[in-house]
């Protein structure tokens, strides 16, 4: 095993496929010019990610894909905002998938805040959940977020997925956080993606 390889992984719990990407080991420096070859994922991992998404969104056994993306996706300057060509490439790829039948949601960190976007501000219209801070000072990165942003220490995200009606393809998801902040994501029915 090469210590410079990425450490991405994929696993399934119930009908939820989790894709965890490594956005550090292959990353071009943020301050490098934003040209098409600039990358966060690296060529091999990006192909792996696309292959995983393609397989998941065409699988009868999958009802939802959760991308654990360690950086803010809705961002113009600090994180994915430094890699617009790669982000645009992924958004174009997402458009080729059936994300209506098998939705994709993003769970991100690396921003000391709680934030939820129903896809209305997200590149590719992907529902996005941010969670982080725990014991660190708060910050705000990216946005805007349809359901607001709550910076601060002592926050975390609990994402609960309830696969209560397999025959209808329904997956309910709720997020909750400390300080009694609760976001209800609703039902991701077979005919529509999650709509927070």
Protein backbone atom coordinates (compact mmCIF):
# COMPACT_ATOMS: atom_id res chain seq x y z
CA UNK A 1 0.00 0.00 0.00
CA UNK A 2 1.27 3.41 -1.01
CA UNK A 3 1.05 5.90 1.87
CA UNK A 4 0.19 8.57 -0.71
CA UNK A 5 -2.96 6.73 -1.83
CA UNK A 6 -6.36 8.16 -0.93
CA UNK A 7 -8.35 6.64 1.90
CA UNK A 8 -11.84 6.85 0.43
CA UNK A 9 -14.38 4.23 1.39
CA UNK A 10 -17.90 3.13 0.63
CA UNK A 11 -20.35 1.10 2.68
CA UNK A 12 -24.06 0.40 2.83
CA UNK A 13 -26.36 0.39 5.84
CA UNK A 14 -29.85 -0.77 4.97
CA UNK A 15 -30.69 0.99 1.69
CA UNK A 16 -28.34 3.91 2.31
CA UNK A 17 -25.03 3.96 0.43
CA UNK A 18 -22.35 6.07 2.13
CA UNK A 19 -19.45 7.43 0.06
CA UNK A 20 -16.60 8.91 2.11
CA UNK A 21 -14.05 10.86 0.11
CA UNK A 22 -10.52 11.92 1.02
CA UNK A 23 -10.20 15.62 0.16
CA UNK A 24 -6.71 16.12 1.59
CA UNK A 25 -4.15 13.66 0.25
CA UNK A 26 -4.44 14.43 -3.50
CA UNK A 27 -5.41 18.07 -3.18
CA UNK A 28 -3.76 20.79 -5.24
CA UNK A 29 -2.87 23.78 -3.00
CA UNK A 30 -5.78 26.23 -2.63
CA UNK A 31 -3.74 29.17 -3.91
CA UNK A 32 -2.76 27.43 -7.17
CA UNK A 33 -4.50 28.86 -10.26
CA UNK A 34 -8.03 27.48 -10.71
CA UNK A 35 -7.45 25.63 -13.97
CA UNK A 36 -9.12 22.40 -15.20
CA UNK A 37 -6.31 20.19 -13.84
CA UNK A 38 -6.62 21.59 -10.31
CA UNK A 39 -8.06 18.89 -8.09
CA UNK A 40 -9.27 18.03 -4.62
CA UNK A 41 -10.06 14.39 -5.34
CA UNK A 42 -7.23 13.40 -7.67
CA UNK A 43 -7.94 11.60 -10.94
CA UNK A 44 -8.19 8.07 -9.54
CA UNK A 45 -10.44 8.96 -6.62
CA UNK A 46 -12.67 11.14 -8.81
CA UNK A 47 -13.21 8.20 -11.16
CA UNK A 48 -13.84 5.91 -8.16
CA UNK A 49 -16.41 8.42 -6.81
CA UNK A 50 -18.19 8.65 -10.17
CA UNK A 51 -18.21 4.86 -10.53
CA UNK A 52 -19.62 4.47 -7.01
CA UNK A 53 -22.35 7.05 -7.67
CA UNK A 54 -23.25 5.47 -11.00
CA UNK A 55 -23.53 2.04 -9.40
CA UNK A 56 -25.50 3.30 -6.40
CA UNK A 57 -28.02 5.29 -8.43
CA UNK A 58 -28.77 2.32 -10.66
CA UNK A 59 -29.04 -0.23 -7.85
CA UNK A 60 -32.43 -1.58 -6.80
CA UNK A 61 -31.09 -2.04 -3.28
CA UNK A 62 -30.18 1.62 -2.71
CA UNK A 63 -32.70 4.31 -1.74
CA UNK A 64 -30.37 7.17 -0.79
CA UNK A 65 -26.70 8.10 -1.26
CA UNK A 66 -24.92 10.09 1.45
CA UNK A 67 -21.68 11.73 0.36
CA UNK A 68 -19.46 12.43 3.35
CA UNK A 69 -17.63 15.42 1.91
CA UNK A 70 -15.18 16.92 4.37
CA UNK A 71 -15.29 20.44 2.94
CA UNK A 72 -18.05 23.03 2.42
CA UNK A 73 -19.70 22.35 -0.95
CA UNK A 74 -21.59 25.66 -1.08
CA UNK A 75 -18.60 27.95 -1.19
CA UNK A 76 -17.27 30.64 -3.48
CA UNK A 77 -13.86 31.24 -1.98
CA UNK A 78 -12.48 29.01 0.75
CA UNK A 79 -12.98 25.32 0.05
CA UNK A 80 -14.72 23.96 -3.07
CA UNK A 81 -14.70 27.57 -4.28
CA UNK A 82 -10.98 27.15 -5.03
CA UNK A 83 -11.77 24.20 -7.31
CA UNK A 84 -14.58 25.42 -9.57
CA UNK A 85 -13.58 23.31 -12.60
CA UNK A 86 -13.68 20.09 -10.60
CA UNK A 87 -16.90 21.07 -8.86
CA UNK A 88 -18.51 21.93 -12.22
CA UNK A 89 -17.35 18.58 -13.59
CA UNK A 90 -19.05 16.78 -10.68
CA UNK A 91 -22.24 18.85 -11.07
CA UNK A 92 -22.34 17.94 -14.78
CA UNK A 93 -21.89 14.29 -13.82
CA UNK A 94 -24.66 14.50 -11.20
CA UNK A 95 -26.97 15.74 -13.97
CA UNK A 96 -26.48 12.43 -15.82
CA UNK A 97 -27.72 10.41 -12.83
CA UNK A 98 -31.27 9.67 -11.71
CA UNK A 99 -31.09 11.66 -8.47
CA UNK A 100 -34.88 11.87 -8.37
CA UNK A 101 -35.36 8.15 -7.73
CA UNK A 102 -32.22 7.72 -5.63
CA UNK A 103 -31.32 11.07 -4.07
CA UNK A 104 -27.84 12.25 -3.15
CA UNK A 105 -27.28 14.31 0.00
CA UNK A 106 -24.04 15.79 1.28
CA UNK A 107 -22.86 15.77 4.88
CA UNK A 108 -19.92 18.13 5.38
CA UNK A 109 -17.62 19.43 8.04
CA UNK A 110 -14.58 21.72 8.09
CA UNK A 111 -16.82 24.64 8.99
CA UNK A 112 -17.50 25.29 12.66
CA UNK A 113 -21.23 25.67 12.21
CA UNK A 114 -24.51 23.92 11.67
CA UNK A 115 -26.18 24.67 8.36
CA UNK A 116 -28.74 23.05 6.09
CA UNK A 117 -29.52 23.79 2.48
CA UNK A 118 -32.40 22.12 0.65
CA UNK A 119 -30.47 22.32 -2.62
CA UNK A 120 -31.71 25.77 -3.60
CA UNK A 121 -28.23 27.30 -3.11
CA UNK A 122 -26.14 24.20 -3.70
CA UNK A 123 -24.23 23.51 -6.90
CA UNK A 124 -26.15 20.69 -8.54
CA UNK A 125 -29.16 21.35 -6.27
CA UNK A 126 -27.90 18.78 -3.76
CA UNK A 127 -29.32 18.85 -0.22
CA UNK A 128 -26.44 19.71 2.10
CA UNK A 129 -25.98 19.31 5.84
CA UNK A 130 -23.06 20.93 7.68
CA UNK A 131 -21.97 19.89 11.11
CA UNK A 132 -18.89 20.62 13.07
CA UNK A 133 -17.36 22.67 15.83
CA UNK A 134 -17.84 20.30 18.76
CA UNK A 135 -15.40 22.09 21.09
CA UNK A 136 -13.91 24.64 18.67
CA UNK A 137 -14.87 28.30 18.16
CA UNK A 138 -17.58 28.96 15.58
CA UNK A 139 -17.17 30.20 12.01
CA UNK A 140 -19.31 30.64 8.92
CA UNK A 141 -18.15 29.30 5.56
CA UNK A 142 -19.99 29.38 2.30
CA UNK A 143 -23.68 29.89 1.90
CA UNK A 144 -26.27 31.11 1.76
CA UNK A 145 -28.12 28.16 3.30
CA UNK A 146 -31.88 27.77 2.92
CA UNK A 147 -32.41 26.83 6.56
CA UNK A 148 -29.83 29.17 8.05
CA UNK A 149 -26.42 28.87 9.61
CA UNK A 150 -25.62 28.51 13.30
CA UNK A 151 -21.94 29.01 14.14
CA UNK A 152 -20.59 28.07 17.50
CA UNK A 153 -18.92 25.65 19.79
CA UNK A 154 -20.64 22.62 21.23
CA UNK A 155 -22.65 21.79 18.12
CA UNK A 156 -22.99 18.53 16.29
CA UNK A 157 -25.28 16.83 13.80
CA UNK A 158 -27.35 13.73 14.23
CA UNK A 159 -28.69 12.55 10.90
CA UNK A 160 -31.46 10.02 11.40
CA UNK A 161 -32.60 8.02 8.40
CA UNK A 162 -35.79 6.01 8.75
CA UNK A 163 -36.51 3.53 5.98
CA UNK A 164 -40.11 2.93 6.94
CA UNK A 165 -41.76 1.97 3.67
CA UNK A 166 -39.56 0.03 1.32
CA UNK A 167 -42.44 -0.67 -1.08
CA UNK A 168 -42.85 3.08 -1.71
CA UNK A 169 -39.12 3.84 -1.73
CA UNK A 170 -39.50 6.24 1.20
CA UNK A 171 -36.60 7.33 3.34
CA UNK A 172 -37.26 9.91 6.03
CA UNK A 173 -34.35 11.93 7.28
CA UNK A 174 -34.19 14.33 10.15
CA UNK A 175 -31.30 16.28 11.48
CA UNK A 176 -31.10 17.54 14.96
CA UNK A 177 -28.51 19.52 16.80
CA UNK A 178 -27.77 20.86 20.21
CA UNK A 179 -29.58 23.91 21.58
CA UNK A 180 -32.90 22.36 20.49
CA UNK A 181 -32.29 23.30 16.86
CA UNK A 182 -34.14 20.74 14.79
CA UNK A 183 -34.36 20.57 11.03
CA UNK A 184 -36.94 18.28 9.50
CA UNK A 185 -35.92 17.03 6.10
CA UNK A 186 -39.20 15.28 5.36
CA UNK A 187 -39.74 12.28 3.17
CA UNK A 188 -37.55 11.35 0.25
CA UNK A 189 -40.19 9.54 -1.76
CA UNK A 190 -39.40 7.65 -4.92
CA UNK A 191 -40.80 10.52 -6.98
CA UNK A 192 -38.84 13.35 -5.38
CA UNK A 193 -35.47 14.05 -3.74
CA UNK A 194 -35.26 15.12 -0.09
CA UNK A 195 -36.67 18.56 0.31
CA UNK A 196 -35.81 20.24 3.57
